[in-house]
Amino acid sequence: RDLTVLTGTRDDIRTELTRLESDVR
């Protein structure tokens, strides 16, 4: 259960980073 929460947090950050990379491009 803790891993699910941590994975969700990591994936949200990855999504945020992808959006920022797109904005930079």
mmCIF file of all heavy atoms, coordinates in Angstrom:
data_MODEL
# 
_entry.id   MODEL 
# 
loop_
_atom_site.group_PDB 
_atom_site.id 
_atom_site.type_symbol 
_atom_site.label_atom_id 
_atom_site.label_alt_id 
_atom_site.label_comp_id 
_atom_site.label_asym_id 
_atom_site.label_entity_id 
_atom_site.label_seq_id 
_atom_site.pdbx_PDB_ins_code 
_atom_site.Cartn_x 
_atom_site.Cartn_y 
_atom_site.Cartn_z 
_atom_site.occupancy 
_atom_site.B_iso_or_equiv 
_atom_site.pdbx_formal_charge 
_atom_site.auth_seq_id 
_atom_site.auth_comp_id 
_atom_site.auth_asym_id 
_atom_site.auth_atom_id 
_atom_site.pdbx_PDB_model_num 
ATOM 1   N N   . ARG A 1 1  ? 0.842  -1.209 0.000   1.00 0.00 ? 1  ARG A N   1 
ATOM 2   C CA  . ARG A 1 1  ? 0.000  0.000  0.000   1.00 0.00 ? 1  ARG A CA  1 
ATOM 3   C C   . ARG A 1 1  ? 0.873  1.254  0.000   1.00 0.00 ? 1  ARG A C   1 
ATOM 4   O O   . ARG A 1 1  ? 0.595  2.219  -0.731  1.00 0.00 ? 1  ARG A O   1 
ATOM 5   C CB  . ARG A 1 1  ? -0.942 -0.007 1.201   1.00 0.00 ? 1  ARG A CB  1 
ATOM 6   C CG  . ARG A 1 1  ? -2.125 -0.963 1.063   1.00 0.00 ? 1  ARG A CG  1 
ATOM 7   C CD  . ARG A 1 1  ? -3.185 -0.677 2.095   1.00 0.00 ? 1  ARG A CD  1 
ATOM 8   N NE  . ARG A 1 1  ? -2.730 -1.021 3.431   1.00 0.00 ? 1  ARG A NE  1 
ATOM 9   C CZ  . ARG A 1 1  ? -2.921 -2.198 4.007   1.00 0.00 ? 1  ARG A CZ  1 
ATOM 10  N NH1 . ARG A 1 1  ? -3.546 -3.154 3.343   1.00 0.00 ? 1  ARG A NH1 1 
ATOM 11  N NH2 . ARG A 1 1  ? -2.494 -2.446 5.231   1.00 0.00 ? 1  ARG A NH2 1 
ATOM 12  N N   . ASP A 1 2  ? 1.920  1.236  0.817   1.00 0.00 ? 2  ASP A N   1 
ATOM 13  C CA  . ASP A 1 2  ? 2.844  2.381  0.846   1.00 0.00 ? 2  ASP A CA  1 
ATOM 14  C C   . ASP A 1 2  ? 3.526  2.550  -0.507  1.00 0.00 ? 2  ASP A C   1 
ATOM 15  O O   . ASP A 1 2  ? 3.737  3.684  -0.964  1.00 0.00 ? 2  ASP A O   1 
ATOM 16  C CB  . ASP A 1 2  ? 3.897  2.181  1.942   1.00 0.00 ? 2  ASP A CB  1 
ATOM 17  C CG  . ASP A 1 2  ? 3.299  2.262  3.332   1.00 0.00 ? 2  ASP A CG  1 
ATOM 18  O OD1 . ASP A 1 2  ? 2.180  2.788  3.465   1.00 0.00 ? 2  ASP A OD1 1 
ATOM 19  O OD2 . ASP A 1 2  ? 3.957  1.789  4.289   1.00 0.00 ? 2  ASP A OD2 1 
ATOM 20  N N   . LEU A 1 3  ? 3.874  1.431  -1.139  1.00 0.00 ? 3  LEU A N   1 
ATOM 21  C CA  . LEU A 1 3  ? 4.513  1.503  -2.454  1.00 0.00 ? 3  LEU A CA  1 
ATOM 22  C C   . LEU A 1 3  ? 3.572  2.126  -3.478  1.00 0.00 ? 3  LEU A C   1 
ATOM 23  O O   . LEU A 1 3  ? 4.015  2.915  -4.329  1.00 0.00 ? 3  LEU A O   1 
ATOM 24  C CB  . LEU A 1 3  ? 4.933  0.100  -2.914  1.00 0.00 ? 3  LEU A CB  1 
ATOM 25  C CG  . LEU A 1 3  ? 5.593  0.036  -4.300  1.00 0.00 ? 3  LEU A CG  1 
ATOM 26  C CD1 . LEU A 1 3  ? 6.906  0.821  -4.304  1.00 0.00 ? 3  LEU A CD1 1 
ATOM 27  C CD2 . LEU A 1 3  ? 5.826  -1.416 -4.717  1.00 0.00 ? 3  LEU A CD2 1 
ATOM 28  N N   . THR A 1 4  ? 2.302  1.791  -3.383  1.00 0.00 ? 4  THR A N   1 
ATOM 29  C CA  . THR A 1 4  ? 1.318  2.372  -4.304  1.00 0.00 ? 4  THR A CA  1 
ATOM 30  C C   . THR A 1 4  ? 1.273  3.889  -4.155  1.00 0.00 ? 4  THR A C   1 
ATOM 31  O O   . THR A 1 4  ? 1.231  4.631  -5.153  1.00 0.00 ? 4  THR A O   1 
ATOM 32  C CB  . THR A 1 4  ? -0.069 1.777  -4.044  1.00 0.00 ? 4  THR A CB  1 
ATOM 33  O OG1 . THR A 1 4  ? -0.024 0.361  -4.272  1.00 0.00 ? 4  THR A OG1 1 
ATOM 34  C CG2 . THR A 1 4  ? -1.116 2.395  -4.961  1.00 0.00 ? 4  THR A CG2 1 
ATOM 35  N N   . VAL A 1 5  ? 1.308  4.363  -2.915  1.00 0.00 ? 5  VAL A N   1 
ATOM 36  C CA  . VAL A 1 5  ? 1.291  5.808  -2.667  1.00 0.00 ? 5  VAL A CA  1 
ATOM 37  C C   . VAL A 1 5  ? 2.566  6.452  -3.211  1.00 0.00 ? 5  VAL A C   1 
ATOM 38  O O   . VAL A 1 5  ? 2.511  7.483  -3.902  1.00 0.00 ? 5  VAL A O   1 
ATOM 39  C CB  . VAL A 1 5  ? 1.154  6.086  -1.160  1.00 0.00 ? 5  VAL A CB  1 
ATOM 40  C CG1 . VAL A 1 5  ? 1.304  7.589  -0.883  1.00 0.00 ? 5  VAL A CG1 1 
ATOM 41  C CG2 . VAL A 1 5  ? -0.191 5.594  -0.648  1.00 0.00 ? 5  VAL A CG2 1 
ATOM 42  N N   . LEU A 1 6  ? 3.708  5.840  -2.909  1.00 0.00 ? 6  LEU A N   1 
ATOM 43  C CA  . LEU A 1 6  ? 4.979  6.392  -3.369  1.00 0.00 ? 6  LEU A CA  1 
ATOM 44  C C   . LEU A 1 6  ? 5.078  6.378  -4.889  1.00 0.00 ? 6  LEU A C   1 
ATOM 45  O O   . LEU A 1 6  ? 5.585  7.335  -5.502  1.00 0.00 ? 6  LEU A O   1 
ATOM 46  C CB  . LEU A 1 6  ? 6.141  5.597  -2.770  1.00 0.00 ? 6  LEU A CB  1 
ATOM 47  C CG  . LEU A 1 6  ? 6.336  5.737  -1.256  1.00 0.00 ? 6  LEU A CG  1 
ATOM 48  C CD1 . LEU A 1 6  ? 7.373  4.732  -0.758  1.00 0.00 ? 6  LEU A CD1 1 
ATOM 49  C CD2 . LEU A 1 6  ? 6.764  7.158  -0.893  1.00 0.00 ? 6  LEU A CD2 1 
ATOM 50  N N   . THR A 1 7  ? 4.595  5.303  -5.504  1.00 0.00 ? 7  THR A N   1 
ATOM 51  C CA  . THR A 1 7  ? 4.616  5.217  -6.965  1.00 0.00 ? 7  THR A CA  1 
ATOM 52  C C   . THR A 1 7  ? 3.716  6.283  -7.580  1.00 0.00 ? 7  THR A C   1 
ATOM 53  O O   . THR A 1 7  ? 4.061  6.897  -8.600  1.00 0.00 ? 7  THR A O   1 
ATOM 54  C CB  . THR A 1 7  ? 4.169  3.821  -7.424  1.00 0.00 ? 7  THR A CB  1 
ATOM 55  O OG1 . THR A 1 7  ? 5.046  2.834  -6.862  1.00 0.00 ? 7  THR A OG1 1 
ATOM 56  C CG2 . THR A 1 7  ? 4.210  3.702  -8.937  1.00 0.00 ? 7  THR A CG2 1 
ATOM 57  N N   . GLY A 1 8  ? 2.562  6.498  -6.950  1.00 0.00 ? 8  GLY A N   1 
ATOM 58  C CA  . GLY A 1 8  ? 1.662  7.542  -7.446  1.00 0.00 ? 8  GLY A CA  1 
ATOM 59  C C   . GLY A 1 8  ? 2.295  8.913  -7.377  1.00 0.00 ? 8  GLY A C   1 
ATOM 60  O O   . GLY A 1 8  ? 2.180  9.718  -8.322  1.00 0.00 ? 8  GLY A O   1 
ATOM 61  N N   . THR A 1 9  ? 2.975  9.177  -6.266  1.00 0.00 ? 9  THR A N   1 
ATOM 62  C CA  . THR A 1 9  ? 3.671  10.463 -6.125  1.00 0.00 ? 9  THR A CA  1 
ATOM 63  C C   . THR A 1 9  ? 4.753  10.613 -7.187  1.00 0.00 ? 9  THR A C   1 
ATOM 64  O O   . THR A 1 9  ? 4.882  11.668 -7.825  1.00 0.00 ? 9  THR A O   1 
ATOM 65  C CB  . THR A 1 9  ? 4.301  10.567 -4.724  1.00 0.00 ? 9  THR A CB  1 
ATOM 66  O OG1 . THR A 1 9  ? 3.272  10.482 -3.733  1.00 0.00 ? 9  THR A OG1 1 
ATOM 67  C CG2 . THR A 1 9  ? 5.055  11.885 -4.568  1.00 0.00 ? 9  THR A CG2 1 
ATOM 68  N N   . ARG A 1 10 ? 5.530  9.548  -7.393  1.00 0.00 ? 10 ARG A N   1 
ATOM 69  C CA  . ARG A 1 10 ? 6.582  9.593  -8.417  1.00 0.00 ? 10 ARG A CA  1 
ATOM 70  C C   . ARG A 1 10 ? 6.003  9.832  -9.810  1.00 0.00 ? 10 ARG A C   1 
ATOM 71  O O   . ARG A 1 10 ? 6.521  10.662 -10.579 1.00 0.00 ? 10 ARG A O   1 
ATOM 72  C CB  . ARG A 1 10 ? 7.355  8.278  -8.412  1.00 0.00 ? 10 ARG A CB  1 
ATOM 73  C CG  . ARG A 1 10 ? 8.488  8.223  -9.439  1.00 0.00 ? 10 ARG A CG  1 
ATOM 74  C CD  . ARG A 1 10 ? 8.832  6.793  -9.787  1.00 0.00 ? 10 ARG A CD  1 
ATOM 75  N NE  . ARG A 1 10 ? 7.686  6.094  -10.387 1.00 0.00 ? 10 ARG A NE  1 
ATOM 76  C CZ  . ARG A 1 10 ? 7.668  4.779  -10.614 1.00 0.00 ? 10 ARG A CZ  1 
ATOM 77  N NH1 . ARG A 1 10 ? 8.696  4.033  -10.270 1.00 0.00 ? 10 ARG A NH1 1 
ATOM 78  N NH2 . ARG A 1 10 ? 6.592  4.222  -11.177 1.00 0.00 ? 10 ARG A NH2 1 
ATOM 79  N N   . ASP A 1 11 ? 4.914  9.141  -10.122 1.00 0.00 ? 11 ASP A N   1 
ATOM 80  C CA  . ASP A 1 11 ? 4.306  9.290  -11.444 1.00 0.00 ? 11 ASP A CA  1 
ATOM 81  C C   . ASP A 1 11 ? 3.738  10.692 -11.646 1.00 0.00 ? 11 ASP A C   1 
ATOM 82  O O   . ASP A 1 11 ? 3.803  11.238 -12.756 1.00 0.00 ? 11 ASP A O   1 
ATOM 83  C CB  . ASP A 1 11 ? 3.207  8.238  -11.639 1.00 0.00 ? 11 ASP A CB  1 
ATOM 84  C CG  . ASP A 1 11 ? 3.769  6.825  -11.741 1.00 0.00 ? 11 ASP A CG  1 
ATOM 85  O OD1 . ASP A 1 11 ? 4.992  6.694  -11.925 1.00 0.00 ? 11 ASP A OD1 1 
ATOM 86  O OD2 . ASP A 1 11 ? 2.986  5.861  -11.613 1.00 0.00 ? 11 ASP A OD2 1 
ATOM 87  N N   . ASP A 1 12 ? 3.177  11.265 -10.578 1.00 0.00 ? 12 ASP A N   1 
ATOM 88  C CA  . ASP A 1 12 ? 2.670  12.645 -10.676 1.00 0.00 ? 12 ASP A CA  1 
ATOM 89  C C   . ASP A 1 12 ? 3.819  13.610 -10.966 1.00 0.00 ? 12 ASP A C   1 
ATOM 90  O O   . ASP A 1 12 ? 3.655  14.552 -11.768 1.00 0.00 ? 12 ASP A O   1 
ATOM 91  C CB  . ASP A 1 12 ? 1.977  13.042 -9.364  1.00 0.00 ? 12 ASP A CB  1 
ATOM 92  C CG  . ASP A 1 12 ? 0.640  12.334 -9.180  1.00 0.00 ? 12 ASP A CG  1 
ATOM 93  O OD1 . ASP A 1 12 ? 0.115  11.788 -10.173 1.00 0.00 ? 12 ASP A OD1 1 
ATOM 94  O OD2 . ASP A 1 12 ? 0.125  12.323 -8.048  1.00 0.00 ? 12 ASP A OD2 1 
ATOM 95  N N   . ILE A 1 13 ? 4.959  13.385 -10.318 1.00 0.00 ? 13 ILE A N   1 
ATOM 96  C CA  . ILE A 1 13 ? 6.113  14.253 -10.557 1.00 0.00 ? 13 ILE A CA  1 
ATOM 97  C C   . ILE A 1 13 ? 6.623  14.073 -11.978 1.00 0.00 ? 13 ILE A C   1 
ATOM 98  O O   . ILE A 1 13 ? 7.013  15.044 -12.651 1.00 0.00 ? 13 ILE A O   1 
ATOM 99  C CB  . ILE A 1 13 ? 7.226  13.960 -9.524  1.00 0.00 ? 13 ILE A CB  1 
ATOM 100 C CG1 . ILE A 1 13 ? 6.737  14.304 -8.112  1.00 0.00 ? 13 ILE A CG1 1 
ATOM 101 C CG2 . ILE A 1 13 ? 8.481  14.764 -9.840  1.00 0.00 ? 13 ILE A CG2 1 
ATOM 102 C CD1 . ILE A 1 13 ? 7.705  13.900 -7.015  1.00 0.00 ? 13 ILE A CD1 1 
ATOM 103 N N   . ARG A 1 14 ? 6.626  12.832 -12.458 1.00 0.00 ? 14 ARG A N   1 
ATOM 104 C CA  . ARG A 1 14 ? 7.041  12.593 -13.845 1.00 0.00 ? 14 ARG A CA  1 
ATOM 105 C C   . ARG A 1 14 ? 6.124  13.324 -14.822 1.00 0.00 ? 14 ARG A C   1 
ATOM 106 O O   . ARG A 1 14 ? 6.598  13.913 -15.808 1.00 0.00 ? 14 ARG A O   1 
ATOM 107 C CB  . ARG A 1 14 ? 7.003  11.084 -14.132 1.00 0.00 ? 14 ARG A CB  1 
ATOM 108 C CG  . ARG A 1 14 ? 8.183  10.300 -13.566 1.00 0.00 ? 14 ARG A CG  1 
ATOM 109 C CD  . ARG A 1 14 ? 8.047  8.828  -13.902 1.00 0.00 ? 14 ARG A CD  1 
ATOM 110 N NE  . ARG A 1 14 ? 9.221  8.066  -13.471 1.00 0.00 ? 14 ARG A NE  1 
ATOM 111 C CZ  . ARG A 1 14 ? 9.331  6.741  -13.571 1.00 0.00 ? 14 ARG A CZ  1 
ATOM 112 N NH1 . ARG A 1 14 ? 8.300  6.041  -14.077 1.00 0.00 ? 14 ARG A NH1 1 
ATOM 113 N NH2 . ARG A 1 14 ? 10.418 6.111  -13.168 1.00 0.00 ? 14 ARG A NH2 1 
ATOM 114 N N   . THR A 1 15 ? 4.827  13.296 -14.529 1.00 0.00 ? 15 THR A N   1 
ATOM 115 C CA  . THR A 1 15 ? 3.875  14.004 -15.389 1.00 0.00 ? 15 THR A CA  1 
ATOM 116 C C   . THR A 1 15 ? 4.133  15.498 -15.364 1.00 0.00 ? 15 THR A C   1 
ATOM 117 O O   . THR A 1 15 ? 4.109  16.173 -16.411 1.00 0.00 ? 15 THR A O   1 
ATOM 118 C CB  . THR A 1 15 ? 2.436  13.712 -14.924 1.00 0.00 ? 15 THR A CB  1 
ATOM 119 O OG1 . THR A 1 15 ? 2.186  12.305 -15.002 1.00 0.00 ? 15 THR A OG1 1 
ATOM 120 C CG2 . THR A 1 15 ? 1.425  14.453 -15.782 1.00 0.00 ? 15 THR A CG2 1 
ATOM 121 N N   . GLU A 1 16 ? 4.427  16.008 -14.165 1.00 0.00 ? 16 GLU A N   1 
ATOM 122 C CA  . GLU A 1 16 ? 4.729  17.439 -14.034 1.00 0.00 ? 16 GLU A CA  1 
ATOM 123 C C   . GLU A 1 16 ? 5.991  17.792 -14.808 1.00 0.00 ? 16 GLU A C   1 
ATOM 124 O O   . GLU A 1 16 ? 6.045  18.823 -15.498 1.00 0.00 ? 16 GLU A O   1 
ATOM 125 C CB  . GLU A 1 16 ? 4.901  17.787 -12.558 1.00 0.00 ? 16 GLU A CB  1 
ATOM 126 C CG  . GLU A 1 16 ? 5.151  19.272 -12.302 1.00 0.00 ? 16 GLU A CG  1 
ATOM 127 C CD  . GLU A 1 16 ? 5.323  19.586 -10.826 1.00 0.00 ? 16 GLU A CD  1 
ATOM 128 O OE1 . GLU A 1 16 ? 5.197  18.651 -9.999  1.00 0.00 ? 16 GLU A OE1 1 
ATOM 129 O OE2 . GLU A 1 16 ? 5.593  20.761 -10.497 1.00 0.00 ? 16 GLU A OE2 1 
ATOM 130 N N   . LEU A 1 17 ? 6.990  16.923 -14.709 1.00 0.00 ? 17 LEU A N   1 
ATOM 131 C CA  . LEU A 1 17 ? 8.241  17.179 -15.419 1.00 0.00 ? 17 LEU A CA  1 
ATOM 132 C C   . LEU A 1 17 ? 8.032  17.124 -16.933 1.00 0.00 ? 17 LEU A C   1 
ATOM 133 O O   . LEU A 1 17 ? 8.577  17.956 -17.677 1.00 0.00 ? 17 LEU A O   1 
ATOM 134 C CB  . LEU A 1 17 ? 9.301  16.152 -15.007 1.00 0.00 ? 17 LEU A CB  1 
ATOM 135 C CG  . LEU A 1 17 ? 10.684 16.318 -15.632 1.00 0.00 ? 17 LEU A CG  1 
ATOM 136 C CD1 . LEU A 1 17 ? 11.283 17.681 -15.282 1.00 0.00 ? 17 LEU A CD1 1 
ATOM 137 C CD2 . LEU A 1 17 ? 11.612 15.191 -15.182 1.00 0.00 ? 17 LEU A CD2 1 
ATOM 138 N N   . THR A 1 18 ? 7.231  16.190 -17.388 1.00 0.00 ? 18 THR A N   1 
ATOM 139 C CA  . THR A 1 18 ? 6.938  16.087 -18.819 1.00 0.00 ? 18 THR A CA  1 
ATOM 140 C C   . THR A 1 18 ? 6.252  17.354 -19.322 1.00 0.00 ? 18 THR A C   1 
ATOM 141 O O   . THR A 1 18 ? 6.556  17.862 -20.411 1.00 0.00 ? 18 THR A O   1 
ATOM 142 C CB  . THR A 1 18 ? 6.046  14.866 -19.092 1.00 0.00 ? 18 THR A CB  1 
ATOM 143 O OG1 . THR A 1 18 ? 6.741  13.681 -18.688 1.00 0.00 ? 18 THR A OG1 1 
ATOM 144 C CG2 . THR A 1 18 ? 5.689  14.765 -20.567 1.00 0.00 ? 18 THR A CG2 1 
ATOM 145 N N   . ARG A 1 19 ? 5.320  17.870 -18.523 1.00 0.00 ? 19 ARG A N   1 
ATOM 146 C CA  . ARG A 1 19 ? 4.623  19.107 -18.896 1.00 0.00 ? 19 ARG A CA  1 
ATOM 147 C C   . ARG A 1 19 ? 5.597  20.271 -18.967 1.00 0.00 ? 19 ARG A C   1 
ATOM 148 O O   . ARG A 1 19 ? 5.549  21.091 -19.902 1.00 0.00 ? 19 ARG A O   1 
ATOM 149 C CB  . ARG A 1 19 ? 3.516  19.398 -17.889 1.00 0.00 ? 19 ARG A CB  1 
ATOM 150 C CG  . ARG A 1 19 ? 2.741  20.679 -18.188 1.00 0.00 ? 19 ARG A CG  1 
ATOM 151 C CD  . ARG A 1 19 ? 1.695  20.947 -17.128 1.00 0.00 ? 19 ARG A CD  1 
ATOM 152 N NE  . ARG A 1 19 ? 2.281  21.036 -15.800 1.00 0.00 ? 19 ARG A NE  1 
ATOM 153 C CZ  . ARG A 1 19 ? 2.921  22.107 -15.335 1.00 0.00 ? 19 ARG A CZ  1 
ATOM 154 N NH1 . ARG A 1 19 ? 3.092  23.165 -16.128 1.00 0.00 ? 19 ARG A NH1 1 
ATOM 155 N NH2 . ARG A 1 19 ? 3.400  22.125 -14.115 1.00 0.00 ? 19 ARG A NH2 1 
ATOM 156 N N   . LEU A 1 20 ? 6.511  20.361 -17.990 1.00 0.00 ? 20 LEU A N   1 
ATOM 157 C CA  . LEU A 1 20 ? 7.490  21.435 -17.996 1.00 0.00 ? 20 LEU A CA  1 
ATOM 158 C C   . LEU A 1 20 ? 8.420  21.326 -19.211 1.00 0.00 ? 20 LEU A C   1 
ATOM 159 O O   . LEU A 1 20 ? 8.756  22.340 -19.838 1.00 0.00 ? 20 LEU A O   1 
ATOM 160 C CB  . LEU A 1 20 ? 8.315  21.395 -16.709 1.00 0.00 ? 20 LEU A CB  1 
ATOM 161 C CG  . LEU A 1 20 ? 7.617  21.925 -15.448 1.00 0.00 ? 20 LEU A CG  1 
ATOM 162 C CD1 . LEU A 1 20 ? 8.429  21.572 -14.209 1.00 0.00 ? 20 LEU A CD1 1 
ATOM 163 C CD2 . LEU A 1 20 ? 7.434  23.444 -15.552 1.00 0.00 ? 20 LEU A CD2 1 
ATOM 164 N N   . GLU A 1 21 ? 8.848  20.115 -19.523 1.00 0.00 ? 21 GLU A N   1 
ATOM 165 C CA  . GLU A 1 21 ? 9.707  19.923 -20.685 1.00 0.00 ? 21 GLU A CA  1 
ATOM 166 C C   . GLU A 1 21 ? 8.996  20.349 -21.967 1.00 0.00 ? 21 GLU A C   1 
ATOM 167 O O   . GLU A 1 21 ? 9.609  20.942 -22.869 1.00 0.00 ? 21 GLU A O   1 
ATOM 168 C CB  . GLU A 1 21 ? 10.134 18.455 -20.770 1.00 0.00 ? 21 GLU A CB  1 
ATOM 169 C CG  . GLU A 1 21 ? 11.101 18.033 -19.659 1.00 0.00 ? 21 GLU A CG  1 
ATOM 170 C CD  . GLU A 1 21 ? 11.347 16.530 -19.649 1.00 0.00 ? 21 GLU A CD  1 
ATOM 171 O OE1 . GLU A 1 21 ? 10.546 15.805 -20.272 1.00 0.00 ? 21 GLU A OE1 1 
ATOM 172 O OE2 . GLU A 1 21 ? 12.327 16.094 -19.006 1.00 0.00 ? 21 GLU A OE2 1 
ATOM 173 N N   . SER A 1 22 ? 7.701  20.049 -22.012 1.00 0.00 ? 22 SER A N   1 
ATOM 174 C CA  . SER A 1 22 ? 6.917  20.468 -23.183 1.00 0.00 ? 22 SER A CA  1 
ATOM 175 C C   . SER A 1 22 ? 6.825  21.996 -23.258 1.00 0.00 ? 22 SER A C   1 
ATOM 176 O O   . SER A 1 22 ? 6.968  22.589 -24.339 1.00 0.00 ? 22 SER A O   1 
ATOM 177 C CB  . SER A 1 22 ? 5.512  19.858 -23.110 1.00 0.00 ? 22 SER A CB  1 
ATOM 178 O OG  . SER A 1 22 ? 4.710  20.304 -24.177 1.00 0.00 ? 22 SER A OG  1 
ATOM 179 N N   . ASP A 1 23 ? 6.588  22.621 -22.079 1.00 0.00 ? 23 ASP A N   1 
ATOM 180 C CA  . ASP A 1 23 ? 6.516  24.088 -22.041 1.00 0.00 ? 23 ASP A CA  1 
ATOM 181 C C   . ASP A 1 23 ? 7.837  24.715 -22.476 1.00 0.00 ? 23 ASP A C   1 
ATOM 182 O O   . ASP A 1 23 ? 7.860  25.733 -23.192 1.00 0.00 ? 23 ASP A O   1 
ATOM 183 C CB  . ASP A 1 23 ? 6.149  24.561 -20.628 1.00 0.00 ? 23 ASP A CB  1 
ATOM 184 C CG  . ASP A 1 23 ? 4.710  24.259 -20.262 1.00 0.00 ? 23 ASP A CG  1 
ATOM 185 O OD1 . ASP A 1 23 ? 3.927  23.908 -21.176 1.00 0.00 ? 23 ASP A OD1 1 
ATOM 186 O OD2 . ASP A 1 23 ? 4.358  24.358 -19.066 1.00 0.00 ? 23 ASP A OD2 1 
ATOM 187 N N   . VAL A 1 24 ? 8.949  24.113 -22.029 1.00 0.00 ? 24 VAL A N   1 
ATOM 188 C CA  . VAL A 1 24 ? 10.264 24.637 -22.416 1.00 0.00 ? 24 VAL A CA  1 
ATOM 189 C C   . VAL A 1 24 ? 10.448 24.526 -23.923 1.00 0.00 ? 24 VAL A C   1 
ATOM 190 O O   . VAL A 1 24 ? 10.920 25.464 -24.589 1.00 0.00 ? 24 VAL A O   1 
ATOM 191 C CB  . VAL A 1 24 ? 11.391 23.886 -21.678 1.00 0.00 ? 24 VAL A CB  1 
ATOM 192 C CG1 . VAL A 1 24 ? 12.759 24.254 -22.261 1.00 0.00 ? 24 VAL A CG1 1 
ATOM 193 C CG2 . VAL A 1 24 ? 11.363 24.221 -20.184 1.00 0.00 ? 24 VAL A CG2 1 
ATOM 194 N N   . ARG A 1 25 ? 10.082 23.398 -24.508 1.00 0.00 ? 25 ARG A N   1 
ATOM 195 C CA  . ARG A 1 25 ? 10.229 23.215 -25.956 1.00 0.00 ? 25 ARG A CA  1 
ATOM 196 C C   . ARG A 1 25 ? 9.394  24.224 -26.737 1.00 0.00 ? 25 ARG A C   1 
ATOM 197 O O   . ARG A 1 25 ? 9.861  24.839 -27.705 1.00 0.00 ? 25 ARG A O   1 
ATOM 198 C CB  . ARG A 1 25 ? 9.826  21.788 -26.356 1.00 0.00 ? 25 ARG A CB  1 
ATOM 199 C CG  . ARG A 1 25 ? 10.861 20.720 -26.012 1.00 0.00 ? 25 ARG A CG  1 
ATOM 200 C CD  . ARG A 1 25 ? 10.554 19.425 -26.749 1.00 0.00 ? 25 ARG A CD  1 
ATOM 201 N NE  . ARG A 1 25 ? 9.228  18.914 -26.430 1.00 0.00 ? 25 ARG A NE  1 
ATOM 202 C CZ  . ARG A 1 25 ? 8.960  18.118 -25.412 1.00 0.00 ? 25 ARG A CZ  1 
ATOM 203 N NH1 . ARG A 1 25 ? 9.941  17.745 -24.584 1.00 0.00 ? 25 ARG A NH1 1 
ATOM 204 N NH2 . ARG A 1 25 ? 7.736  17.686 -25.195 1.00 0.00 ? 25 ARG A NH2 1 
# 
